[in-house]
Amino acid sequence: MEPGMDQSKLSPYRWVIEILMFLAFVSQTITWLAPAPILTPIIKSLHLSLGSAGLIISIIALCISIFSLVGAVISERLGALRAFLAGIWLLAIGQILSSYCTAFGALLICRVIEGVGFGVMIAPPGTLTMQWFGEGEWPWINMVNALCAYIGLTAVYSLTAPLYLSLGSSWQRVVFTYGAAVAVVALLWTVLGRERHAIRAVEPVANAPAQGSNLLEVIKMRDVKLIACGLFGGMWVFQLYTAFLPEYFHTVRGMDLSGASSMTAVLPLAGMFASLGGGIGTGVTGLRKPFTWPVAISTLVGCAGAISMTGPIWIRASLVLVGIGAAGSLAALTTLLMELPGMTPAKMGTGLAFVWSVGYAGAFIAPFLGGALAAHYGLKAVMLGFLVFQFLPIVTMYFLPETGPGRARYEIGAAASAEPSGASITTSSADAAQP
């Protein structure tokens, strides 16, 4: 991890950049999951199977998985801002074009365009955050950025069904409205977006390799691979449930379209508060690990309850647990990645692209495969069976190191409590990094 930025070098314009990132992150989620609450009308309009409908949503995850790494390379070569601009304009154009589609093939192509844009946008925010903000601000900025996805989810599940009804029960008009909003955000980035260079002192590293692409170097890092593996399992489960919960509540539990969407909205609403709680917790305590694998356990319990429980109160309580598990760890994980030894702004963008590339691979497979299997085994059986993947984030994140500044206070406290017994405690930095 690089030394923190001198507070005197921080620019007030960083808050403009953060507002722009906030709007962009909300736009990403709305664009991706807009079809979920109105999946039934889309299926009827385009005469789709449940598997094909799942592909409409999951194809974006596949594109993210592939093109997030492309975005990292573009960010290295052309700069984080140019990469981000290319991505957000593709996102807006793809969403607007989707509103004119009347066939499955055309809609799928437009969703691919959106997915490419989404993927290219993955790497630059990590670089921009490290460029513009001081080290002490990272947990708080990452908390706000993690919150954006759940604000977008809440908006999707709260607004899409009413918007669909108010626009003459036309899913194309809903999609166009969202696309126009993303285009406005893209225009704001084009006018106001800035990148900041040469603001952070970099300590020389002994035997450092010649300067080149950071991709292979970052991929070889043990902790980056652990985070990637955990995100694969977590995104597998999360994407399956966010894609099919409205459909499950509508077809299996007998809720109407608006009721199913409102019930599912409990999940991202809980995620908003969990994201805040996780970010504040990791910022105040200076610890990262308590907000990773323990939090992932609540997703496992919550998903099982959301499918198995029949009472509305118990279903809502279960969805609250899912939201806590899905959102509570995001700020801590992103900050932990920034704090790994040797991490630089350029490497951070590449690292963020890699871990989310692996994570979104799971997010692609789950709805597509789940939709196909549901036709044979039923949606409930598939959603419960796929919960086995939630054990991946629980296990892998347990083995992550504690990188936060609170680790030192914990070590001092542990040493002080052991002194009366006469034990001599010597903790090396390597030992302290063990779980």
Protein backbone atom coordinates (compact mmCIF):
# COMPACT_ATOMS: atom_id res chain seq x y z
CA MET A 1 0.00 0.00 0.00
CA GLU A 2 1.25 3.42 -0.85
CA PRO A 3 1.68 6.24 1.65
CA GLY A 4 -1.39 8.33 2.31
CA MET A 5 -1.90 11.54 0.40
CA ASP A 6 -0.95 14.75 2.15
CA GLN A 7 -4.20 16.47 3.19
CA SER A 8 -2.84 19.77 1.84
CA LYS A 9 -2.77 18.27 -1.66
CA LEU A 10 -6.43 17.25 -1.66
CA SER A 11 -8.59 19.21 -4.08
CA PRO A 12 -12.16 20.30 -3.27
CA TYR A 13 -13.05 19.18 -6.81
CA ARG A 14 -12.84 15.60 -5.58
CA TRP A 15 -16.40 15.97 -4.30
CA VAL A 16 -17.61 16.78 -7.82
CA ILE A 17 -15.93 13.56 -8.97
CA GLU A 18 -17.62 11.62 -6.17
CA ILE A 19 -21.06 13.00 -7.08
CA LEU A 20 -20.45 11.95 -10.69
CA MET A 21 -19.35 8.46 -9.57
CA PHE A 22 -22.45 8.22 -7.38
CA LEU A 23 -24.75 8.98 -10.33
CA ALA A 24 -22.85 6.59 -12.61
CA PHE A 25 -23.02 3.69 -10.15
CA VAL A 26 -26.76 4.14 -9.64
CA SER A 27 -27.19 4.26 -13.43
CA GLN A 28 -25.27 1.00 -13.85
CA THR A 29 -27.58 -0.94 -11.56
CA ILE A 30 -30.78 0.55 -12.96
CA THR A 31 -29.69 -0.24 -16.50
CA TRP A 32 -28.70 -3.81 -15.71
CA LEU A 33 -31.71 -4.92 -13.69
CA ALA A 34 -34.47 -2.80 -15.23
CA PRO A 35 -35.99 -5.87 -16.98
CA ALA A 36 -36.29 -7.92 -13.75
CA PRO A 37 -39.50 -6.38 -12.32
CA ILE A 38 -41.19 -6.44 -15.75
CA LEU A 39 -39.80 -9.79 -16.87
CA THR A 40 -43.27 -11.33 -17.29
CA PRO A 41 -44.46 -8.68 -19.80
CA ILE A 42 -41.18 -8.98 -21.70
CA ILE A 43 -41.56 -12.77 -21.84
CA LYS A 44 -45.09 -12.43 -23.21
CA SER A 45 -44.18 -9.67 -25.65
CA LEU A 46 -41.20 -11.47 -27.18
CA HIS A 47 -42.49 -15.04 -26.61
CA LEU A 48 -39.49 -16.08 -24.54
CA SER A 49 -38.73 -19.07 -22.36
CA LEU A 50 -37.61 -18.49 -18.77
CA GLY A 51 -34.06 -19.45 -19.80
CA SER A 52 -34.00 -16.84 -22.57
CA ALA A 53 -35.42 -14.25 -20.19
CA GLY A 54 -32.65 -15.06 -17.74
CA LEU A 55 -30.12 -14.59 -20.53
CA ILE A 56 -31.38 -11.03 -21.11
CA ILE A 57 -30.24 -10.18 -17.61
CA SER A 58 -27.22 -12.44 -17.28
CA ILE A 59 -25.64 -11.56 -20.65
CA ILE A 60 -24.58 -8.24 -19.13
CA ALA A 61 -22.72 -10.10 -16.41
CA LEU A 62 -20.85 -12.12 -19.06
CA CYS A 63 -19.86 -8.93 -20.86
CA ILE A 64 -18.74 -7.38 -17.59
CA SER A 65 -16.66 -10.46 -16.86
CA ILE A 66 -14.87 -10.14 -20.19
CA PHE A 67 -14.69 -6.40 -20.74
CA SER A 68 -13.79 -5.30 -17.22
CA LEU A 69 -10.28 -6.56 -17.98
CA VAL A 70 -10.38 -4.75 -21.32
CA GLY A 71 -11.40 -1.63 -19.44
CA ALA A 72 -8.41 -2.05 -17.12
CA VAL A 73 -6.05 -2.15 -20.11
CA ILE A 74 -7.75 0.89 -21.69
CA SER A 75 -7.49 2.70 -18.37
CA GLU A 76 -3.76 1.94 -18.19
CA ARG A 77 -3.13 3.05 -21.76
CA LEU A 78 -5.52 6.00 -22.23
CA GLY A 79 -6.35 7.02 -18.68
CA ALA A 80 -9.15 6.22 -16.26
CA LEU A 81 -11.38 9.10 -17.38
CA ARG A 82 -11.37 8.21 -21.07
CA ALA A 83 -12.13 4.58 -20.26
CA PHE A 84 -14.99 5.60 -17.99
CA LEU A 85 -16.46 7.95 -20.61
CA ALA A 86 -16.38 5.23 -23.26
CA GLY A 87 -18.11 2.84 -20.91
CA ILE A 88 -20.92 5.10 -19.72
CA TRP A 89 -21.81 6.26 -23.23
CA LEU A 90 -22.02 2.65 -24.40
CA LEU A 91 -24.25 1.93 -21.41
CA ALA A 92 -26.61 4.78 -22.32
CA ILE A 93 -26.70 3.99 -26.05
CA GLY A 94 -27.37 0.30 -25.47
CA GLN A 95 -30.22 1.04 -23.08
CA ILE A 96 -31.88 3.53 -25.44
CA LEU A 97 -31.59 1.16 -28.40
CA SER A 98 -33.13 -1.63 -26.29
CA SER A 99 -36.36 0.33 -26.14
CA TYR A 100 -36.85 -0.07 -29.91
CA CYS A 101 -36.40 -3.85 -29.95
CA THR A 102 -39.27 -6.13 -30.95
CA ALA A 103 -37.31 -9.38 -31.25
CA PHE A 104 -35.19 -11.38 -28.83
CA GLY A 105 -32.04 -11.27 -31.00
CA ALA A 106 -32.07 -7.48 -31.33
CA LEU A 107 -32.67 -7.03 -27.61
CA LEU A 108 -29.82 -9.38 -26.80
CA ILE A 109 -27.43 -7.39 -29.02
CA CYS A 110 -28.40 -4.16 -27.28
CA ARG A 111 -27.89 -5.79 -23.90
CA VAL A 112 -24.41 -6.83 -25.04
CA ILE A 113 -23.65 -3.20 -25.85
CA GLU A 114 -24.79 -2.24 -22.35
CA GLY A 115 -22.68 -5.03 -20.87
CA VAL A 116 -19.56 -3.89 -22.72
CA GLY A 117 -20.07 -0.38 -21.37
CA PHE A 118 -20.68 -1.64 -17.85
CA GLY A 119 -17.54 -3.77 -18.00
CA VAL A 120 -15.31 -0.95 -19.24
CA MET A 121 -16.56 1.17 -16.31
CA ILE A 122 -15.43 -1.32 -13.64
CA ALA A 123 -11.70 -0.47 -13.39
CA PRO A 124 -11.57 3.37 -13.56
CA PRO A 125 -13.41 4.20 -10.28
CA GLY A 126 -10.77 2.45 -8.15
CA THR A 127 -8.04 4.45 -9.86
CA LEU A 128 -9.99 7.72 -9.61
CA THR A 129 -10.69 7.18 -5.91
CA MET A 130 -7.00 6.63 -5.12
CA GLN A 131 -6.04 9.62 -7.28
CA TRP A 132 -8.46 12.13 -5.78
CA PHE A 133 -8.94 11.04 -2.16
CA GLY A 134 -6.70 10.63 0.86
CA GLU A 135 -6.09 7.22 2.41
CA GLY A 136 -8.18 8.10 5.47
CA GLU A 137 -11.14 8.87 3.19
CA TRP A 138 -11.07 5.58 1.30
CA PRO A 139 -13.38 3.58 3.61
CA TRP A 140 -15.98 6.36 3.55
CA ILE A 141 -15.85 6.86 -0.22
CA ASN A 142 -16.03 3.10 -0.77
CA MET A 143 -19.03 3.00 1.57
CA VAL A 144 -20.88 5.61 -0.48
CA ASN A 145 -19.95 3.92 -3.75
CA ALA A 146 -21.14 0.54 -2.45
CA LEU A 147 -24.37 2.18 -1.36
CA CYS A 148 -25.07 3.29 -4.94
CA ALA A 149 -25.80 -0.21 -6.21
CA TYR A 150 -28.49 -0.64 -3.57
CA ILE A 151 -30.00 2.75 -4.23
CA GLY A 152 -30.23 1.65 -7.86
CA LEU A 153 -31.74 -1.70 -6.88
CA THR A 154 -34.28 -0.01 -4.63
CA ALA A 155 -35.20 2.36 -7.45
CA VAL A 156 -35.58 -0.52 -9.91
CA TYR A 157 -37.86 -2.59 -7.69
CA SER A 158 -39.81 0.38 -6.31
CA LEU A 159 -40.28 2.45 -9.46
CA THR A 160 -40.23 0.12 -12.46
CA ALA A 161 -43.62 -1.56 -11.98
CA PRO A 162 -45.48 1.74 -11.29
CA LEU A 163 -43.60 3.37 -14.17
CA TYR A 164 -44.62 0.47 -16.42
CA LEU A 165 -48.29 1.01 -15.56
CA SER A 166 -48.10 4.80 -15.92
CA LEU A 167 -46.48 4.51 -19.37
CA GLY A 168 -49.30 2.48 -20.85
CA SER A 169 -47.97 -0.95 -19.80
CA SER A 170 -45.12 -0.62 -22.27
CA TRP A 171 -41.81 -2.12 -21.19
CA GLN A 172 -40.09 -0.37 -24.12
CA ARG A 173 -41.06 3.04 -22.74
CA VAL A 174 -39.72 2.12 -19.33
CA VAL A 175 -36.39 1.08 -20.83
CA PHE A 176 -36.19 4.28 -22.90
CA THR A 177 -36.85 6.43 -19.83
CA TYR A 178 -34.00 4.77 -17.95
CA GLY A 179 -31.73 5.07 -21.00
CA ALA A 180 -32.39 8.80 -21.30
CA ALA A 181 -31.49 9.26 -17.63
CA VAL A 182 -28.19 7.42 -18.12
CA ALA A 183 -27.44 9.62 -21.16
CA VAL A 184 -27.80 12.70 -18.95
CA VAL A 185 -25.27 11.24 -16.50
CA ALA A 186 -22.90 10.44 -19.39
CA LEU A 187 -23.17 14.05 -20.57
CA LEU A 188 -22.33 15.32 -17.08
CA TRP A 189 -19.23 13.10 -17.02
CA THR A 190 -18.19 14.40 -20.44
CA VAL A 191 -18.41 18.02 -19.28
CA LEU A 192 -17.27 17.78 -15.66
CA GLY A 193 -15.13 14.63 -15.46
CA ARG A 194 -11.46 15.12 -14.53
CA GLU A 195 -8.46 12.92 -13.81
CA ARG A 196 -5.66 13.81 -11.39
CA HIS A 197 -2.07 12.65 -12.01
CA ALA A 198 1.20 12.63 -10.09
CA ILE A 199 -0.32 13.39 -6.69
CA ARG A 200 0.86 10.43 -4.68
CA ALA A 201 4.41 9.64 -3.73
CA VAL A 202 5.38 6.11 -4.66
CA GLU A 203 7.93 4.30 -2.57
CA PRO A 204 10.54 2.43 -4.61
CA VAL A 205 10.20 -1.31 -4.48
CA ALA A 206 13.30 -3.45 -4.41
CA ASN A 207 13.77 -5.69 -7.45
CA ALA A 208 10.69 -4.22 -9.06
CA PRO A 209 9.99 -5.57 -12.57
CA ALA A 210 10.08 -3.37 -15.63
CA GLN A 211 7.04 -1.17 -16.03
CA GLY A 212 4.34 -2.81 -18.12
CA SER A 213 0.84 -4.13 -17.76
CA ASN A 214 -0.16 -4.75 -14.16
CA LEU A 215 -2.59 -7.55 -15.00
CA LEU A 216 -0.35 -10.59 -14.52
CA GLU A 217 1.30 -9.12 -11.45
CA VAL A 218 -2.05 -8.41 -9.80
CA ILE A 219 -3.55 -11.80 -10.71
CA LYS A 220 -0.64 -13.57 -8.97
CA MET A 221 -1.42 -11.89 -5.65
CA ARG A 222 -2.84 -14.46 -3.21
CA ASP A 223 -5.32 -12.12 -1.57
CA VAL A 224 -6.63 -10.81 -4.89
CA LYS A 225 -7.40 -14.40 -5.91
CA LEU A 226 -9.18 -15.05 -2.61
CA ILE A 227 -11.37 -11.98 -3.07
CA ALA A 228 -12.12 -12.99 -6.66
CA CYS A 229 -13.15 -16.50 -5.61
CA GLY A 230 -15.39 -15.14 -2.87
CA LEU A 231 -17.06 -12.70 -5.25
CA PHE A 232 -17.70 -15.51 -7.74
CA GLY A 233 -19.79 -17.42 -5.22
CA GLY A 234 -21.45 -14.35 -3.76
CA MET A 235 -22.39 -12.91 -7.15
CA TRP A 236 -23.67 -16.31 -8.31
CA VAL A 237 -26.23 -16.35 -5.50
CA PHE A 238 -27.00 -12.63 -5.47
CA GLN A 239 -27.62 -12.37 -9.20
CA LEU A 240 -29.81 -15.47 -9.27
CA TYR A 241 -32.00 -14.13 -6.48
CA THR A 242 -32.24 -10.52 -7.70
CA ALA A 243 -33.14 -11.78 -11.20
CA PHE A 244 -35.77 -14.34 -10.23
CA LEU A 245 -37.21 -13.33 -6.86
CA PRO A 246 -39.96 -11.16 -8.44
CA GLU A 247 -40.79 -14.02 -10.80
CA TYR A 248 -40.74 -16.51 -7.89
CA PHE A 249 -43.04 -14.38 -5.74
CA HIS A 250 -45.37 -13.83 -8.70
CA THR A 251 -45.63 -17.37 -10.03
CA VAL A 252 -45.01 -19.51 -6.93
CA ARG A 253 -46.35 -17.33 -4.11
CA GLY A 254 -49.22 -15.88 -6.15
CA MET A 255 -48.38 -12.19 -5.65
CA ASP A 256 -49.37 -9.68 -8.32
CA LEU A 257 -46.62 -7.99 -10.33
CA SER A 258 -46.54 -4.85 -8.19
CA GLY A 259 -46.64 -6.83 -4.93
CA ALA A 260 -43.81 -9.12 -6.03
CA SER A 261 -41.68 -6.14 -7.01
CA SER A 262 -42.41 -4.33 -3.73
CA MET A 263 -41.55 -7.42 -1.70
CA THR A 264 -38.23 -7.82 -3.52
CA ALA A 265 -37.46 -4.13 -2.91
CA VAL A 266 -36.96 -4.97 0.77
CA LEU A 267 -33.62 -6.59 -0.18
CA PRO A 268 -31.89 -3.54 -1.69
CA LEU A 269 -33.47 -1.24 0.91
CA ALA A 270 -31.85 -3.33 3.65
CA GLY A 271 -28.68 -3.33 1.56
CA MET A 272 -28.59 0.47 1.65
CA PHE A 273 -28.51 0.51 5.45
CA ALA A 274 -26.10 -2.45 5.55
CA SER A 275 -23.74 -0.66 3.19
CA LEU A 276 -23.81 2.38 5.45
CA GLY A 277 -23.35 0.25 8.56
CA GLY A 278 -20.50 -1.74 7.04
CA GLY A 279 -18.75 1.38 5.79
CA ILE A 280 -19.12 3.23 9.08
CA GLY A 281 -18.06 0.15 11.00
CA THR A 282 -14.90 -0.43 9.00
CA GLY A 283 -14.10 3.30 9.05
CA VAL A 284 -14.56 3.75 12.80
CA THR A 285 -12.92 0.50 13.94
CA GLY A 286 -10.14 0.53 11.36
CA LEU A 287 -10.81 -3.18 10.78
CA ARG A 288 -11.83 -4.95 7.57
CA LYS A 289 -12.23 -8.70 8.23
CA PRO A 290 -15.15 -8.53 10.70
CA PHE A 291 -17.17 -7.04 7.85
CA THR A 292 -16.37 -9.76 5.29
CA TRP A 293 -16.94 -13.48 5.96
CA PRO A 294 -19.20 -13.09 9.04
CA VAL A 295 -21.49 -10.85 7.02
CA ALA A 296 -21.64 -13.40 4.17
CA ILE A 297 -23.26 -15.92 6.52
CA SER A 298 -26.38 -13.77 6.77
CA THR A 299 -26.88 -14.04 2.99
CA LEU A 300 -26.92 -17.83 3.24
CA VAL A 301 -29.52 -17.78 6.02
CA GLY A 302 -31.59 -15.04 4.39
CA CYS A 303 -31.79 -16.64 0.94
CA ALA A 304 -32.92 -19.94 2.41
CA GLY A 305 -35.59 -18.14 4.44
CA ALA A 306 -36.85 -16.02 1.53
CA ILE A 307 -37.60 -19.16 -0.48
CA SER A 308 -38.75 -21.46 2.33
CA MET A 309 -40.87 -19.10 4.46
CA THR A 310 -44.49 -18.43 3.52
CA GLY A 311 -45.50 -15.58 5.84
CA PRO A 312 -44.91 -12.06 4.47
CA ILE A 313 -43.22 -10.94 7.70
CA TRP A 314 -40.76 -13.85 7.65
CA ILE A 315 -40.06 -13.34 3.95
CA ARG A 316 -39.27 -9.67 4.56
CA ALA A 317 -37.04 -10.53 7.52
CA SER A 318 -35.17 -13.02 5.33
CA LEU A 319 -34.70 -10.43 2.59
CA VAL A 320 -33.29 -8.03 5.18
CA LEU A 321 -30.65 -10.66 6.00
CA VAL A 322 -29.85 -11.07 2.29
CA GLY A 323 -29.41 -7.31 1.93
CA ILE A 324 -27.13 -7.17 4.96
CA GLY A 325 -24.97 -10.02 3.68
CA ALA A 326 -24.74 -8.69 0.13
CA ALA A 327 -23.95 -5.07 0.96
CA GLY A 328 -22.31 -5.05 4.37
CA SER A 329 -18.92 -6.23 3.12
CA LEU A 330 -18.46 -4.16 -0.05
CA ALA A 331 -16.78 -1.11 1.50
CA ALA A 332 -14.49 -3.28 3.63
CA LEU A 333 -13.46 -5.48 0.68
CA THR A 334 -12.71 -2.55 -1.62
CA THR A 335 -10.71 -0.78 1.09
CA LEU A 336 -8.84 -3.99 1.93
CA LEU A 337 -7.89 -4.33 -1.73
CA MET A 338 -6.56 -0.76 -1.75
CA GLU A 339 -4.52 -1.42 1.40
CA LEU A 340 -2.74 -4.56 0.16
CA PRO A 341 1.08 -4.26 0.12
CA GLY A 342 2.37 -2.71 -3.11
CA MET A 343 -1.05 -1.53 -4.31
CA THR A 344 -0.97 1.59 -6.53
CA PRO A 345 -3.81 3.50 -8.26
CA ALA A 346 -3.06 1.73 -11.57
CA LYS A 347 -2.85 -1.68 -9.90
CA MET A 348 -6.02 -0.97 -7.96
CA GLY A 349 -7.95 -0.42 -11.17
CA THR A 350 -6.58 -3.67 -12.57
CA GLY A 351 -7.22 -5.54 -9.32
CA LEU A 352 -10.78 -4.25 -9.13
CA ALA A 353 -11.34 -5.27 -12.75
CA PHE A 354 -9.99 -8.77 -12.15
CA VAL A 355 -11.94 -9.60 -8.99
CA TRP A 356 -15.18 -8.31 -10.47
CA SER A 357 -14.45 -10.07 -13.75
CA VAL A 358 -14.40 -13.37 -11.88
CA GLY A 359 -17.39 -12.33 -9.77
CA TYR A 360 -19.52 -11.40 -12.76
CA ALA A 361 -18.67 -14.70 -14.42
CA GLY A 362 -20.69 -16.29 -11.62
CA ALA A 363 -23.37 -13.65 -12.07
CA PHE A 364 -23.67 -14.61 -15.75
CA ILE A 365 -23.85 -18.35 -15.27
CA ALA A 366 -26.36 -18.37 -12.40
CA PRO A 367 -29.47 -16.79 -13.99
CA PHE A 368 -28.90 -18.42 -17.38
CA LEU A 369 -28.26 -21.89 -15.98
CA GLY A 370 -30.83 -21.40 -13.23
CA GLY A 371 -33.54 -20.41 -15.68
CA ALA A 372 -32.81 -23.46 -17.85
CA LEU A 373 -32.79 -25.86 -14.89
CA ALA A 374 -35.95 -24.31 -13.43
CA ALA A 375 -37.88 -25.53 -16.45
CA HIS A 376 -37.10 -29.09 -15.39
CA TYR A 377 -36.77 -29.00 -11.61
CA GLY A 378 -38.77 -25.93 -10.60
CA LEU A 379 -37.58 -22.48 -9.60
CA LYS A 380 -37.68 -23.15 -5.85
CA ALA A 381 -35.45 -26.24 -6.07
CA VAL A 382 -32.89 -24.42 -8.22
CA MET A 383 -32.74 -21.35 -5.98
CA LEU A 384 -32.25 -23.48 -2.88
CA GLY A 385 -29.72 -25.80 -4.55
CA PHE A 386 -27.54 -22.96 -5.81
CA LEU A 387 -27.07 -21.70 -2.26
CA VAL A 388 -24.08 -24.05 -2.00
CA PHE A 389 -22.10 -21.34 -3.82
CA GLN A 390 -22.59 -18.96 -0.89
CA PHE A 391 -20.07 -21.01 1.09
CA LEU A 392 -17.31 -19.69 -1.21
CA PRO A 393 -17.27 -16.10 0.17
CA ILE A 394 -17.61 -17.42 3.72
CA VAL A 395 -14.55 -19.67 3.41
CA THR A 396 -12.26 -17.62 1.16
CA MET A 397 -12.75 -14.31 2.97
CA TYR A 398 -11.91 -15.96 6.27
CA PHE A 399 -8.36 -16.38 4.96
CA LEU A 400 -7.92 -12.73 3.95
CA PRO A 401 -5.44 -10.62 5.95
CA GLU A 402 -6.46 -7.77 8.23
CA THR A 403 -5.05 -4.66 6.54
CA GLY A 404 -6.77 -1.86 8.44
CA PRO A 405 -5.06 0.52 10.88
CA GLY A 406 -7.17 -0.93 13.69
CA ARG A 407 -5.07 -4.08 13.50
CA ALA A 408 -2.28 -2.35 15.42
CA ARG A 409 -4.64 -1.41 18.25
CA TYR A 410 -5.93 -4.97 18.38
CA GLU A 411 -2.38 -6.36 18.56
CA ILE A 412 -1.42 -3.94 21.35
CA GLY A 413 -4.53 -4.87 23.31
CA ALA A 414 -3.88 -8.57 22.83
CA ALA A 415 -0.27 -8.19 23.94
CA ALA A 416 -1.28 -6.17 27.02
CA SER A 417 -3.84 -8.76 28.09
CA ALA A 418 -1.24 -11.51 27.79
CA GLU A 419 1.50 -9.73 29.79
CA PRO A 420 0.33 -10.84 33.28
CA SER A 421 0.91 -14.45 32.34
CA GLY A 422 4.54 -13.68 31.60
CA ALA A 423 4.20 -14.68 28.01
CA SER A 424 6.46 -12.93 25.57
CA ILE A 425 4.65 -11.90 22.46
CA THR A 426 6.36 -10.90 19.28
CA THR A 427 4.16 -10.36 16.28
CA SER A 428 5.75 -9.97 12.91
CA SER A 429 3.93 -8.20 10.11
CA ALA A 430 3.63 -11.48 8.26
CA ASP A 431 2.07 -13.21 11.24
CA ALA A 432 -0.34 -10.32 11.78
CA ALA A 433 -1.61 -10.71 8.27
CA GLN A 434 -2.80 -14.23 8.94
CA PRO A 435 -6.50 -14.78 9.71
